[in-house]
Amino acid sequence: MQIDVREDNVAILRGREGTVALVKALGRSFFLDGPDEEVVLFTDPEDLIIASSFGVGAKVEKGLICTLFQIRELGSPLIVLPKGHKASPRLKTVVSLGERTRLSCRIQPGTHPEQDVLCAAEELDGLEIVAVPGGAIVEGFGGQVHLGRFS
């Protein structure tokens, strides 16, 4: 399924147990802060910032949009926790950045510096999101997609 994702909108994928939101990265650079180093991630204009949550509903969607806004518009860093970190199970939202992201329910939230895999609810396991000009292709998703304003 191809969805329209432009500079001023956000796409929200609604599942029964999990939600994913995505925006264009706009070619900006971002900081990835891990346990041992800080890395600058450079993006292409069509790359995506994707946020995943293990819940559903209006509050979750607002939280995902807020997270994406803080990263893209305010320059908040992406934080990577060390494996086994005690805060990992309490994370409400996790984020990935790049041209292709695969969702997995078999990884520990917030502990993967590779930006091509993102923790998600079990029903979203295996879903793949690929950036394309003017949007994204979502492979393996059968739920609802909602487009909203991102400003």
C-alpha atoms as a PDB file:
ATOM      1  CA  MET A   1       0.000   0.000   0.000  1.00  0.00           C
ATOM      2  CA  GLN A   2       1.334   3.433  -0.914  1.00  0.00           C
ATOM      3  CA  ILE A   3       0.485   6.398   1.303  1.00  0.00           C
ATOM      4  CA  ASP A   4       0.956  10.112   0.749  1.00  0.00           C
ATOM      5  CA  VAL A   5       3.446  11.623   3.194  1.00  0.00           C
ATOM      6  CA  ARG A   6       4.431  15.210   2.553  1.00  0.00           C
ATOM      7  CA  GLU A   7       6.345  17.829   4.560  1.00  0.00           C
ATOM      8  CA  ASP A   8       3.242  19.048   6.383  1.00  0.00           C
ATOM      9  CA  ASN A   9       1.426  15.810   7.175  1.00  0.00           C
ATOM     10  CA  VAL A  10       1.779  12.702   9.293  1.00  0.00           C
ATOM     11  CA  ALA A  11       0.604   9.201   8.445  1.00  0.00           C
ATOM     12  CA  ILE A  12      -0.794   7.115  11.284  1.00  0.00           C
ATOM     13  CA  LEU A  13      -1.117   3.344  10.947  1.00  0.00           C
ATOM     14  CA  ARG A  14      -3.747   2.086  13.386  1.00  0.00           C
ATOM     15  CA  GLY A  15      -3.701  -1.493  14.532  1.00  0.00           C
ATOM     16  CA  ARG A  16      -5.723  -3.195  17.268  1.00  0.00           C
ATOM     17  CA  GLU A  17      -2.847  -3.211  19.783  1.00  0.00           C
ATOM     18  CA  GLY A  18      -0.214  -0.912  18.323  1.00  0.00           C
ATOM     19  CA  THR A  19       0.132   2.341  16.426  1.00  0.00           C
ATOM     20  CA  VAL A  20       2.826   3.665  14.102  1.00  0.00           C
ATOM     21  CA  ALA A  21       3.230   7.257  12.880  1.00  0.00           C
ATOM     22  CA  LEU A  22       5.603   8.578  10.243  1.00  0.00           C
ATOM     23  CA  VAL A  23       6.791  11.863   8.765  1.00  0.00           C
ATOM     24  CA  LYS A  24       9.392  12.862   6.198  1.00  0.00           C
ATOM     25  CA  ALA A  25      12.870  13.645   7.557  1.00  0.00           C
ATOM     26  CA  LEU A  26      13.286  16.519   5.041  1.00  0.00           C
ATOM     27  CA  GLY A  27      17.011  15.954   4.583  1.00  0.00           C
ATOM     28  CA  ARG A  28      17.852  17.194   8.068  1.00  0.00           C
ATOM     29  CA  SER A  29      20.581  15.744  10.276  1.00  0.00           C
ATOM     30  CA  PHE A  30      19.853  14.119  13.633  1.00  0.00           C
ATOM     31  CA  PHE A  31      21.851  12.982  16.644  1.00  0.00           C
ATOM     32  CA  LEU A  32      21.794   9.354  17.735  1.00  0.00           C
ATOM     33  CA  ASP A  33      23.026   9.099  21.318  1.00  0.00           C
ATOM     34  CA  GLY A  34      24.044   5.645  22.506  1.00  0.00           C
ATOM     35  CA  PRO A  35      25.735   4.299  25.603  1.00  0.00           C
ATOM     36  CA  ASP A  36      29.232   4.802  24.199  1.00  0.00           C
ATOM     37  CA  GLU A  37      29.026   7.394  21.451  1.00  0.00           C
ATOM     38  CA  GLU A  38      27.082  10.078  19.681  1.00  0.00           C
ATOM     39  CA  VAL A  39      26.585   9.749  15.923  1.00  0.00           C
ATOM     40  CA  VAL A  40      25.227  12.277  13.453  1.00  0.00           C
ATOM     41  CA  LEU A  41      22.692  10.761  11.070  1.00  0.00           C
ATOM     42  CA  PHE A  42      22.350  12.522   7.730  1.00  0.00           C
ATOM     43  CA  THR A  43      19.113  11.995   5.812  1.00  0.00           C
ATOM     44  CA  ASP A  44      17.738  12.447   2.348  1.00  0.00           C
ATOM     45  CA  PRO A  45      14.604  14.589   1.961  1.00  0.00           C
ATOM     46  CA  GLU A  46      12.423  11.523   1.346  1.00  0.00           C
ATOM     47  CA  ASP A  47      13.708   9.496   4.333  1.00  0.00           C
ATOM     48  CA  LEU A  48      11.226   8.808   7.119  1.00  0.00           C
ATOM     49  CA  ILE A  49      11.104   9.279  10.864  1.00  0.00           C
ATOM     50  CA  ILE A  50       8.909   6.505  12.244  1.00  0.00           C
ATOM     51  CA  ALA A  51       7.554   6.278  15.780  1.00  0.00           C
ATOM     52  CA  SER A  52       5.957   3.140  17.207  1.00  0.00           C
ATOM     53  CA  SER A  53       3.806   2.701  20.303  1.00  0.00           C
ATOM     54  CA  PHE A  54       2.386  -0.316  22.066  1.00  0.00           C
ATOM     55  CA  GLY A  55      -1.051   1.211  22.482  1.00  0.00           C
ATOM     56  CA  VAL A  56      -3.971   2.645  20.548  1.00  0.00           C
ATOM     57  CA  GLY A  57      -6.306   5.618  20.730  1.00  0.00           C
ATOM     58  CA  ALA A  58      -6.213   9.408  20.610  1.00  0.00           C
ATOM     59  CA  LYS A  59      -3.680   9.820  23.455  1.00  0.00           C
ATOM     60  CA  VAL A  60      -1.245   7.416  21.819  1.00  0.00           C
ATOM     61  CA  GLU A  61      -1.565   9.171  18.454  1.00  0.00           C
ATOM     62  CA  LYS A  62      -0.991  12.590  20.042  1.00  0.00           C
ATOM     63  CA  GLY A  63       2.057  11.185  21.839  1.00  0.00           C
ATOM     64  CA  LEU A  64       3.499   9.801  18.610  1.00  0.00           C
ATOM     65  CA  ILE A  65       2.982  13.113  16.820  1.00  0.00           C
ATOM     66  CA  CYS A  66       4.584  14.954  19.746  1.00  0.00           C
ATOM     67  CA  THR A  67       7.592  12.614  19.644  1.00  0.00           C
ATOM     68  CA  LEU A  68       8.014  13.106  15.905  1.00  0.00           C
ATOM     69  CA  PHE A  69       7.697  16.893  16.310  1.00  0.00           C
ATOM     70  CA  GLN A  70      10.333  16.979  19.050  1.00  0.00           C
ATOM     71  CA  ILE A  71      12.775  15.044  16.910  1.00  0.00           C
ATOM     72  CA  ARG A  72      12.204  16.682  13.530  1.00  0.00           C
ATOM     73  CA  GLU A  73      11.315  20.238  14.491  1.00  0.00           C
ATOM     74  CA  LEU A  74      13.100  20.712  17.835  1.00  0.00           C
ATOM     75  CA  GLY A  75      16.162  18.572  17.171  1.00  0.00           C
ATOM     76  CA  SER A  76      15.756  16.209  20.125  1.00  0.00           C
ATOM     77  CA  PRO A  77      18.225  13.328  19.847  1.00  0.00           C
ATOM     78  CA  LEU A  78      17.330   9.714  19.252  1.00  0.00           C
ATOM     79  CA  ILE A  79      18.361   7.813  22.379  1.00  0.00           C
ATOM     80  CA  VAL A  80      19.615   4.216  22.317  1.00  0.00           C
ATOM     81  CA  LEU A  81      19.619   2.354  25.627  1.00  0.00           C
ATOM     82  CA  PRO A  82      22.073  -0.434  26.392  1.00  0.00           C
ATOM     83  CA  LYS A  83      20.600  -3.932  26.090  1.00  0.00           C
ATOM     84  CA  GLY A  84      18.980  -4.980  29.374  1.00  0.00           C
ATOM     85  CA  HIS A  85      18.392  -1.387  30.524  1.00  0.00           C
ATOM     86  CA  LYS A  86      15.719  -1.239  33.230  1.00  0.00           C
ATOM     87  CA  ALA A  87      13.822   1.581  31.470  1.00  0.00           C
ATOM     88  CA  SER A  88      13.346  -0.357  28.226  1.00  0.00           C
ATOM     89  CA  PRO A  89      10.100  -2.111  29.251  1.00  0.00           C
ATOM     90  CA  ARG A  90       8.615   1.243  30.326  1.00  0.00           C
ATOM     91  CA  LEU A  91       9.178   3.033  27.020  1.00  0.00           C
ATOM     92  CA  LYS A  92       5.875   4.156  25.510  1.00  0.00           C
ATOM     93  CA  THR A  93       7.311   5.203  22.140  1.00  0.00           C
ATOM     94  CA  VAL A  94      10.356   4.147  20.122  1.00  0.00           C
ATOM     95  CA  VAL A  95      11.728   5.781  16.968  1.00  0.00           C
ATOM     96  CA  SER A  96      13.590   4.845  13.795  1.00  0.00           C
ATOM     97  CA  LEU A  97      15.014   6.985  11.008  1.00  0.00           C
ATOM     98  CA  GLY A  98      15.908   6.197   7.407  1.00  0.00           C
ATOM     99  CA  GLU A  99      14.719   5.027   4.029  1.00  0.00           C
ATOM    100  CA  ARG A 100      13.577   1.536   5.098  1.00  0.00           C
ATOM    101  CA  THR A 101      12.356   0.241   8.460  1.00  0.00           C
ATOM    102  CA  ARG A 102      11.233  -3.251   9.446  1.00  0.00           C
ATOM    103  CA  LEU A 103       9.009  -3.626  12.511  1.00  0.00           C
ATOM    104  CA  SER A 104       9.690  -6.425  14.965  1.00  0.00           C
ATOM    105  CA  CYS A 105       8.067  -7.607  18.178  1.00  0.00           C
ATOM    106  CA  ARG A 106      11.125  -9.743  18.988  1.00  0.00           C
ATOM    107  CA  ILE A 107      13.531  -6.981  19.977  1.00  0.00           C
ATOM    108  CA  GLN A 108      13.928  -5.005  23.179  1.00  0.00           C
ATOM    109  CA  PRO A 109      12.460  -1.479  22.896  1.00  0.00           C
ATOM    110  CA  GLY A 110      14.952   1.366  22.565  1.00  0.00           C
ATOM    111  CA  THR A 111      18.101  -0.751  22.370  1.00  0.00           C
ATOM    112  CA  HIS A 112      18.817  -0.940  18.632  1.00  0.00           C
ATOM    113  CA  PRO A 113      21.182   1.648  17.163  1.00  0.00           C
ATOM    114  CA  GLU A 114      20.582   0.192  13.701  1.00  0.00           C
ATOM    115  CA  GLN A 115      17.993   2.462  12.205  1.00  0.00           C
ATOM    116  CA  ASP A 116      16.445  -0.201   9.976  1.00  0.00           C
ATOM    117  CA  VAL A 117      14.577  -2.106  12.700  1.00  0.00           C
ATOM    118  CA  LEU A 118      11.973  -0.824  15.146  1.00  0.00           C
ATOM    119  CA  CYS A 119      10.178  -2.488  18.026  1.00  0.00           C
ATOM    120  CA  ALA A 120       6.403  -2.735  17.570  1.00  0.00           C
ATOM    121  CA  ALA A 121       3.301  -4.546  18.787  1.00  0.00           C
ATOM    122  CA  GLU A 122       3.066  -8.218  17.828  1.00  0.00           C
ATOM    123  CA  GLU A 123       0.353  -7.622  15.212  1.00  0.00           C
ATOM    124  CA  LEU A 124       2.748  -5.277  13.343  1.00  0.00           C
ATOM    125  CA  ASP A 125       5.653  -7.742  13.353  1.00  0.00           C
ATOM    126  CA  GLY A 126       7.253  -8.027   9.918  1.00  0.00           C
ATOM    127  CA  LEU A 127       5.680  -4.854   8.555  1.00  0.00           C
ATOM    128  CA  GLU A 128       8.096  -2.970   6.315  1.00  0.00           C
ATOM    129  CA  ILE A 129       7.941   0.764   5.602  1.00  0.00           C
ATOM    130  CA  VAL A 130       9.918   2.139   2.656  1.00  0.00           C
ATOM    131  CA  ALA A 131      10.364   5.811   1.768  1.00  0.00           C
ATOM    132  CA  VAL A 132       9.433   6.803  -1.777  1.00  0.00           C
ATOM    133  CA  PRO A 133       9.132  10.242  -3.382  1.00  0.00           C
ATOM    134  CA  GLY A 134       6.097  11.977  -1.888  1.00  0.00           C
ATOM    135  CA  GLY A 135       5.198   9.147   0.429  1.00  0.00           C
ATOM    136  CA  ALA A 136       5.871   5.694   1.750  1.00  0.00           C
ATOM    137  CA  ILE A 137       5.133   2.123   0.777  1.00  0.00           C
ATOM    138  CA  VAL A 138       3.858   0.008   3.648  1.00  0.00           C
ATOM    139  CA  GLU A 139       4.234  -3.713   3.037  1.00  0.00           C
ATOM    140  CA  GLY A 140       2.208  -6.185   5.090  1.00  0.00           C
ATOM    141  CA  PHE A 141      -0.279  -3.824   6.755  1.00  0.00           C
ATOM    142  CA  GLY A 142      -4.005  -4.507   6.688  1.00  0.00           C
ATOM    143  CA  GLY A 143      -5.209  -1.947   9.241  1.00  0.00           C
ATOM    144  CA  GLN A 144      -6.382   1.642   9.019  1.00  0.00           C
ATOM    145  CA  VAL A 145      -4.262   4.542   7.752  1.00  0.00           C
ATOM    146  CA  HIS A 146      -5.084   8.101   8.785  1.00  0.00           C
ATOM    147  CA  LEU A 147      -3.388  11.211   7.380  1.00  0.00           C
ATOM    148  CA  GLY A 148      -3.233  14.274   9.600  1.00  0.00           C
ATOM    149  CA  ARG A 149      -1.608  17.695   9.649  1.00  0.00           C
ATOM    150  CA  PHE A 150       1.885  17.918  11.057  1.00  0.00           C
ATOM    151  CA  SER A 151       2.606  21.463  12.181  1.00  0.00           C
END
